[in-house]
């Protein structure tokens, strides 16, 4: 199993939206590196659900339930999407400031490539962030 972090603007798609719908497609990614990250996702992989913009914090965990397929919202047909389902909220949201303040997370892609909307998370980083979030994964 691999781990990921997926960003969403809460005004567009929030954790509450994800929980209400439970399963949905993760569309609208228009960056090739983020899209390649989604291509690498496998059914069963877990991802942190991250509220971007003003909140900048991890609020939940989702599971990949359908692998990469064409994104019908892309008129050029260059990008795809995956389907995810809500697993659970984190017990304590973890802010970007907390992540940046933790030296063991200095090489986390969220810190190094802050503009990417979908980034990989190593096993070690996953366990550390889960501990910070007071959440079992």
C-alpha atoms as a PDB file:
ATOM      1  CA  UNK A   1       0.000   0.000   0.000  1.00  0.00           C
ATOM      2  CA  UNK A   2       1.146   3.541  -0.764  1.00  0.00           C
ATOM      3  CA  UNK A   3       0.217   6.771   0.982  1.00  0.00           C
ATOM      4  CA  UNK A   4      -0.689  10.151  -0.471  1.00  0.00           C
ATOM      5  CA  UNK A   5      -1.911  13.628   0.380  1.00  0.00           C
ATOM      6  CA  UNK A   6      -4.692  15.180  -1.706  1.00  0.00           C
ATOM      7  CA  UNK A   7      -5.512  18.871  -1.467  1.00  0.00           C
ATOM      8  CA  UNK A   8      -8.930  20.381  -1.905  1.00  0.00           C
ATOM      9  CA  UNK A   9     -10.238  23.899  -1.501  1.00  0.00           C
ATOM     10  CA  UNK A  10     -12.915  23.536   1.189  1.00  0.00           C
ATOM     11  CA  UNK A  11     -15.155  26.038  -0.633  1.00  0.00           C
ATOM     12  CA  UNK A  12     -15.100  23.733  -3.678  1.00  0.00           C
ATOM     13  CA  UNK A  13     -14.998  20.261  -2.068  1.00  0.00           C
ATOM     14  CA  UNK A  14     -14.697  19.924   1.695  1.00  0.00           C
ATOM     15  CA  UNK A  15     -14.237  17.018   4.065  1.00  0.00           C
ATOM     16  CA  UNK A  16     -17.918  17.398   4.984  1.00  0.00           C
ATOM     17  CA  UNK A  17     -18.800  17.038   1.280  1.00  0.00           C
ATOM     18  CA  UNK A  18     -16.637  13.925   1.080  1.00  0.00           C
ATOM     19  CA  UNK A  19     -18.283  12.379   4.142  1.00  0.00           C
ATOM     20  CA  UNK A  20     -21.776  13.202   2.858  1.00  0.00           C
ATOM     21  CA  UNK A  21     -21.097  11.649  -0.567  1.00  0.00           C
ATOM     22  CA  UNK A  22     -18.774   8.972   0.911  1.00  0.00           C
ATOM     23  CA  UNK A  23     -17.428   7.952  -2.518  1.00  0.00           C
ATOM     24  CA  UNK A  24     -16.580  10.363  -5.312  1.00  0.00           C
ATOM     25  CA  UNK A  25     -14.173  10.989  -8.143  1.00  0.00           C
ATOM     26  CA  UNK A  26     -11.170  13.253  -7.580  1.00  0.00           C
ATOM     27  CA  UNK A  27     -11.215  15.355 -10.719  1.00  0.00           C
ATOM     28  CA  UNK A  28      -9.953  18.709 -11.930  1.00  0.00           C
ATOM     29  CA  UNK A  29      -6.216  18.043 -11.482  1.00  0.00           C
ATOM     30  CA  UNK A  30      -4.425  19.927 -14.260  1.00  0.00           C
ATOM     31  CA  UNK A  31      -0.782  19.550 -13.293  1.00  0.00           C
ATOM     32  CA  UNK A  32       1.214  16.782 -14.979  1.00  0.00           C
ATOM     33  CA  UNK A  33       3.224  15.842 -11.885  1.00  0.00           C
ATOM     34  CA  UNK A  34       0.096  15.657  -9.698  1.00  0.00           C
ATOM     35  CA  UNK A  35      -1.639  13.691 -12.462  1.00  0.00           C
ATOM     36  CA  UNK A  36       1.300  11.262 -12.630  1.00  0.00           C
ATOM     37  CA  UNK A  37       0.993  10.799  -8.877  1.00  0.00           C
ATOM     38  CA  UNK A  38      -2.653   9.859  -9.358  1.00  0.00           C
ATOM     39  CA  UNK A  39      -1.658   7.418 -12.136  1.00  0.00           C
ATOM     40  CA  UNK A  40       0.530   5.651  -9.560  1.00  0.00           C
ATOM     41  CA  UNK A  41      -2.334   5.196  -7.100  1.00  0.00           C
ATOM     42  CA  UNK A  42      -3.702   1.709  -6.539  1.00  0.00           C
ATOM     43  CA  UNK A  43      -6.997   0.529  -5.070  1.00  0.00           C
ATOM     44  CA  UNK A  44      -6.589   0.415  -1.287  1.00  0.00           C
ATOM     45  CA  UNK A  45      -4.007   3.207  -1.060  1.00  0.00           C
ATOM     46  CA  UNK A  46      -4.752   5.777   1.640  1.00  0.00           C
ATOM     47  CA  UNK A  47      -4.504   9.554   1.384  1.00  0.00           C
ATOM     48  CA  UNK A  48      -4.701  12.440   3.764  1.00  0.00           C
ATOM     49  CA  UNK A  49      -7.539  14.825   2.857  1.00  0.00           C
ATOM     50  CA  UNK A  50      -6.039  18.306   3.108  1.00  0.00           C
ATOM     51  CA  UNK A  51      -8.012  21.550   3.185  1.00  0.00           C
ATOM     52  CA  UNK A  52      -5.989  24.121   1.259  1.00  0.00           C
ATOM     53  CA  UNK A  53      -6.401  27.901   0.899  1.00  0.00           C
ATOM     54  CA  UNK A  54      -7.203  29.470   4.289  1.00  0.00           C
ATOM     55  CA  UNK A  55      -7.272  26.340   6.464  1.00  0.00           C
ATOM     56  CA  UNK A  56      -4.088  24.565   5.318  1.00  0.00           C
ATOM     57  CA  UNK A  57      -4.584  21.455   7.410  1.00  0.00           C
ATOM     58  CA  UNK A  58      -5.106  17.704   7.209  1.00  0.00           C
ATOM     59  CA  UNK A  59      -8.681  16.921   8.212  1.00  0.00           C
ATOM     60  CA  UNK A  60      -9.359  13.329   7.149  1.00  0.00           C
ATOM     61  CA  UNK A  61      -8.296  10.114   5.464  1.00  0.00           C
ATOM     62  CA  UNK A  62      -9.655   8.717   2.187  1.00  0.00           C
ATOM     63  CA  UNK A  63      -9.084   5.406   0.392  1.00  0.00           C
ATOM     64  CA  UNK A  64      -8.571   4.951  -3.350  1.00  0.00           C
ATOM     65  CA  UNK A  65     -11.404   2.756  -4.651  1.00  0.00           C
ATOM     66  CA  UNK A  66     -10.939   3.165  -8.430  1.00  0.00           C
ATOM     67  CA  UNK A  67      -7.671   3.648 -10.254  1.00  0.00           C
ATOM     68  CA  UNK A  68      -6.851   6.381 -12.754  1.00  0.00           C
ATOM     69  CA  UNK A  69      -9.268   6.870 -15.644  1.00  0.00           C
ATOM     70  CA  UNK A  70     -10.109   9.762 -18.016  1.00  0.00           C
ATOM     71  CA  UNK A  71     -11.419  12.951 -16.413  1.00  0.00           C
ATOM     72  CA  UNK A  72     -14.515  13.898 -18.392  1.00  0.00           C
ATOM     73  CA  UNK A  73     -14.200  17.499 -17.160  1.00  0.00           C
ATOM     74  CA  UNK A  74     -11.000  17.853 -19.253  1.00  0.00           C
ATOM     75  CA  UNK A  75     -12.078  18.850 -22.778  1.00  0.00           C
ATOM     76  CA  UNK A  76      -8.617  18.035 -24.185  1.00  0.00           C
ATOM     77  CA  UNK A  77      -8.574  14.536 -22.680  1.00  0.00           C
ATOM     78  CA  UNK A  78      -5.075  14.905 -21.215  1.00  0.00           C
ATOM     79  CA  UNK A  79      -5.872  14.359 -17.550  1.00  0.00           C
ATOM     80  CA  UNK A  80      -7.570  11.717 -15.469  1.00  0.00           C
ATOM     81  CA  UNK A  81      -8.980  11.095 -12.025  1.00  0.00           C
ATOM     82  CA  UNK A  82      -9.349   8.455  -9.332  1.00  0.00           C
ATOM     83  CA  UNK A  83     -12.283   7.586  -7.094  1.00  0.00           C
ATOM     84  CA  UNK A  84     -11.911   7.860  -3.339  1.00  0.00           C
ATOM     85  CA  UNK A  85     -14.093   7.067  -0.344  1.00  0.00           C
ATOM     86  CA  UNK A  86     -14.070   8.650   3.099  1.00  0.00           C
ATOM     87  CA  UNK A  87     -12.382   6.482   5.723  1.00  0.00           C
ATOM     88  CA  UNK A  88     -12.452   8.730   8.789  1.00  0.00           C
ATOM     89  CA  UNK A  89     -11.700  12.206  10.051  1.00  0.00           C
ATOM     90  CA  UNK A  90      -8.456  12.733  11.907  1.00  0.00           C
ATOM     91  CA  UNK A  91      -8.878  13.162  15.652  1.00  0.00           C
ATOM     92  CA  UNK A  92      -6.878  16.381  15.618  1.00  0.00           C
ATOM     93  CA  UNK A  93      -6.324  18.342  12.403  1.00  0.00           C
ATOM     94  CA  UNK A  94      -2.646  18.865  11.592  1.00  0.00           C
ATOM     95  CA  UNK A  95      -1.789  22.283  10.203  1.00  0.00           C
ATOM     96  CA  UNK A  96       0.796  23.116   7.580  1.00  0.00           C
ATOM     97  CA  UNK A  97       2.579  25.224  10.206  1.00  0.00           C
ATOM     98  CA  UNK A  98       2.889  22.178  12.475  1.00  0.00           C
ATOM     99  CA  UNK A  99       4.160  20.078   9.581  1.00  0.00           C
ATOM    100  CA  UNK A 100       6.768  22.699   8.663  1.00  0.00           C
ATOM    101  CA  UNK A 101       7.846  22.956  12.315  1.00  0.00           C
ATOM    102  CA  UNK A 102       8.568  19.212  12.518  1.00  0.00           C
ATOM    103  CA  UNK A 103      12.162  18.604  11.334  1.00  0.00           C
ATOM    104  CA  UNK A 104      11.422  14.960  10.463  1.00  0.00           C
ATOM    105  CA  UNK A 105       8.933  16.210   7.839  1.00  0.00           C
ATOM    106  CA  UNK A 106      11.346  18.612   6.112  1.00  0.00           C
ATOM    107  CA  UNK A 107      11.516  16.439   2.997  1.00  0.00           C
ATOM    108  CA  UNK A 108       7.755  15.795   2.797  1.00  0.00           C
ATOM    109  CA  UNK A 109       6.537  16.670  -0.708  1.00  0.00           C
ATOM    110  CA  UNK A 110       3.878  18.968   0.779  1.00  0.00           C
ATOM    111  CA  UNK A 111       6.710  21.118   2.146  1.00  0.00           C
ATOM    112  CA  UNK A 112       9.097  20.803  -0.811  1.00  0.00           C
ATOM    113  CA  UNK A 113       6.497  21.121  -3.607  1.00  0.00           C
ATOM    114  CA  UNK A 114       3.787  23.147  -1.939  1.00  0.00           C
ATOM    115  CA  UNK A 115       1.838  23.920  -5.112  1.00  0.00           C
ATOM    116  CA  UNK A 116       1.137  20.285  -6.059  1.00  0.00           C
ATOM    117  CA  UNK A 117      -2.382  19.113  -5.271  1.00  0.00           C
ATOM    118  CA  UNK A 118      -1.529  15.397  -5.055  1.00  0.00           C
ATOM    119  CA  UNK A 119       1.733  14.265  -3.467  1.00  0.00           C
ATOM    120  CA  UNK A 120       3.207  10.997  -2.191  1.00  0.00           C
ATOM    121  CA  UNK A 121       3.734  10.432   1.536  1.00  0.00           C
ATOM    122  CA  UNK A 122       6.359   7.954   2.758  1.00  0.00           C
ATOM    123  CA  UNK A 123       5.467   5.236   5.279  1.00  0.00           C
ATOM    124  CA  UNK A 124       7.552   7.029   7.921  1.00  0.00           C
ATOM    125  CA  UNK A 125       5.889  10.379   7.266  1.00  0.00           C
ATOM    126  CA  UNK A 126       2.440   8.743   7.266  1.00  0.00           C
ATOM    127  CA  UNK A 127       3.022   7.238  10.721  1.00  0.00           C
ATOM    128  CA  UNK A 128       4.411  10.495  12.090  1.00  0.00           C
ATOM    129  CA  UNK A 129       1.523  12.611  10.783  1.00  0.00           C
ATOM    130  CA  UNK A 130      -1.006  10.068  12.072  1.00  0.00           C
ATOM    131  CA  UNK A 131       0.632  10.341  15.503  1.00  0.00           C
ATOM    132  CA  UNK A 132       0.449  14.147  15.285  1.00  0.00           C
ATOM    133  CA  UNK A 133      -3.228  13.803  14.334  1.00  0.00           C
ATOM    134  CA  UNK A 134      -3.823  11.396  17.238  1.00  0.00           C
ATOM    135  CA  UNK A 135      -5.309   9.013  14.669  1.00  0.00           C
ATOM    136  CA  UNK A 136      -4.697   5.360  13.895  1.00  0.00           C
ATOM    137  CA  UNK A 137      -4.432   4.683  10.221  1.00  0.00           C
END
